[in-house]
Amino acid sequence: MEEDTQHHSLLPSAHRYMSLDTHTHTHTHTHTHTHVHILHTHIYIYTAHTNTQVEIKYQIH
């Protein structure tokens, strides 16, 4: 029963991380001058299928 609970918690977590990435990416383009610090934020995306971690860095050019 514990394994089943953990498996279900993976799906919303992965979706939450991906949503956070999408929102932040849009937010930085919309309010670049106001929220410049977001560009330096490291966002981690976890995929439920492979359990791999992807790091995305936003840099100011």
C-alpha atoms as a PDB file:
ATOM      1  CA  MET A   1       0.000   0.000   0.000  1.00  0.00           C
ATOM      2  CA  GLU A   2       2.923   2.333   0.666  1.00  0.00           C
ATOM      3  CA  GLU A   3       4.328   1.787  -2.809  1.00  0.00           C
ATOM      4  CA  ASP A   4       0.972   2.599  -4.355  1.00  0.00           C
ATOM      5  CA  THR A   5       0.797   5.885  -2.440  1.00  0.00           C
ATOM      6  CA  GLN A   6       4.288   6.903  -3.514  1.00  0.00           C
ATOM      7  CA  HIS A   7       3.536   6.069  -7.137  1.00  0.00           C
ATOM      8  CA  HIS A   8       0.484   8.312  -7.150  1.00  0.00           C
ATOM      9  CA  SER A   9       2.395  11.161  -5.544  1.00  0.00           C
ATOM     10  CA  LEU A  10       4.939  11.104  -8.387  1.00  0.00           C
ATOM     11  CA  LEU A  11       2.465  12.152 -11.038  1.00  0.00           C
ATOM     12  CA  PRO A  12       1.181  15.394  -9.437  1.00  0.00           C
ATOM     13  CA  SER A  13       4.723  16.275  -8.383  1.00  0.00           C
ATOM     14  CA  ALA A  14       6.050  15.996 -11.918  1.00  0.00           C
ATOM     15  CA  HIS A  15       3.112  17.983 -13.230  1.00  0.00           C
ATOM     16  CA  ARG A  16       3.668  20.634 -10.583  1.00  0.00           C
ATOM     17  CA  TYR A  17       7.337  21.050 -11.481  1.00  0.00           C
ATOM     18  CA  MET A  18       6.581  21.308 -15.195  1.00  0.00           C
ATOM     19  CA  SER A  19       3.856  23.862 -14.513  1.00  0.00           C
ATOM     20  CA  LEU A  20       6.281  25.880 -12.413  1.00  0.00           C
ATOM     21  CA  ASP A  21       8.800  25.884 -15.250  1.00  0.00           C
ATOM     22  CA  THR A  22       6.196  27.007 -17.787  1.00  0.00           C
ATOM     23  CA  HIS A  23       4.888  29.757 -15.524  1.00  0.00           C
ATOM     24  CA  THR A  24       8.340  31.062 -14.659  1.00  0.00           C
ATOM     25  CA  HIS A  25       9.499  31.019 -18.260  1.00  0.00           C
ATOM     26  CA  THR A  26       6.473  33.062 -19.297  1.00  0.00           C
ATOM     27  CA  HIS A  27       6.781  35.318 -16.272  1.00  0.00           C
ATOM     28  CA  THR A  28      10.396  36.227 -17.012  1.00  0.00           C
ATOM     29  CA  HIS A  29       9.547  37.252 -20.549  1.00  0.00           C
ATOM     30  CA  THR A  30       6.562  39.276 -19.397  1.00  0.00           C
ATOM     31  CA  HIS A  31       8.199  41.097 -16.515  1.00  0.00           C
ATOM     32  CA  THR A  32      11.886  41.039 -17.374  1.00  0.00           C
ATOM     33  CA  HIS A  33      12.744  44.347 -15.739  1.00  0.00           C
ATOM     34  CA  THR A  34      10.697  43.778 -12.612  1.00  0.00           C
ATOM     35  CA  HIS A  35      11.756  40.209 -11.883  1.00  0.00           C
ATOM     36  CA  VAL A  36      15.287  39.965 -13.204  1.00  0.00           C
ATOM     37  CA  HIS A  37      16.308  37.770 -10.272  1.00  0.00           C
ATOM     38  CA  ILE A  38      14.071  34.994 -11.607  1.00  0.00           C
ATOM     39  CA  LEU A  39      16.457  34.652 -14.554  1.00  0.00           C
ATOM     40  CA  HIS A  40      19.118  33.363 -12.185  1.00  0.00           C
ATOM     41  CA  THR A  41      16.792  30.863 -10.534  1.00  0.00           C
ATOM     42  CA  HIS A  42      17.496  27.167 -11.061  1.00  0.00           C
ATOM     43  CA  ILE A  43      14.398  25.184 -11.877  1.00  0.00           C
ATOM     44  CA  TYR A  44      14.343  21.417 -11.577  1.00  0.00           C
ATOM     45  CA  ILE A  45      11.963  19.291 -13.596  1.00  0.00           C
ATOM     46  CA  TYR A  46      11.257  15.729 -12.528  1.00  0.00           C
ATOM     47  CA  THR A  47       9.757  13.296 -15.010  1.00  0.00           C
ATOM     48  CA  ALA A  48       7.583  10.554 -13.559  1.00  0.00           C
ATOM     49  CA  HIS A  49       8.539   8.020 -16.219  1.00  0.00           C
ATOM     50  CA  THR A  50      12.318   8.128 -16.072  1.00  0.00           C
ATOM     51  CA  ASN A  51      12.775   9.782 -12.655  1.00  0.00           C
ATOM     52  CA  THR A  52      15.492  11.935 -14.171  1.00  0.00           C
ATOM     53  CA  GLN A  53      16.293  15.467 -13.118  1.00  0.00           C
ATOM     54  CA  VAL A  54      16.698  18.256 -15.640  1.00  0.00           C
ATOM     55  CA  GLU A  55      18.208  21.574 -14.645  1.00  0.00           C
ATOM     56  CA  ILE A  56      17.247  24.699 -16.559  1.00  0.00           C
ATOM     57  CA  LYS A  57      19.184  27.916 -16.094  1.00  0.00           C
ATOM     58  CA  TYR A  58      17.955  31.299 -17.210  1.00  0.00           C
ATOM     59  CA  GLN A  59      20.738  33.705 -18.080  1.00  0.00           C
ATOM     60  CA  ILE A  60      20.721  37.354 -19.081  1.00  0.00           C
ATOM     61  CA  HIS A  61      22.362  38.033 -22.399  1.00  0.00           C
END
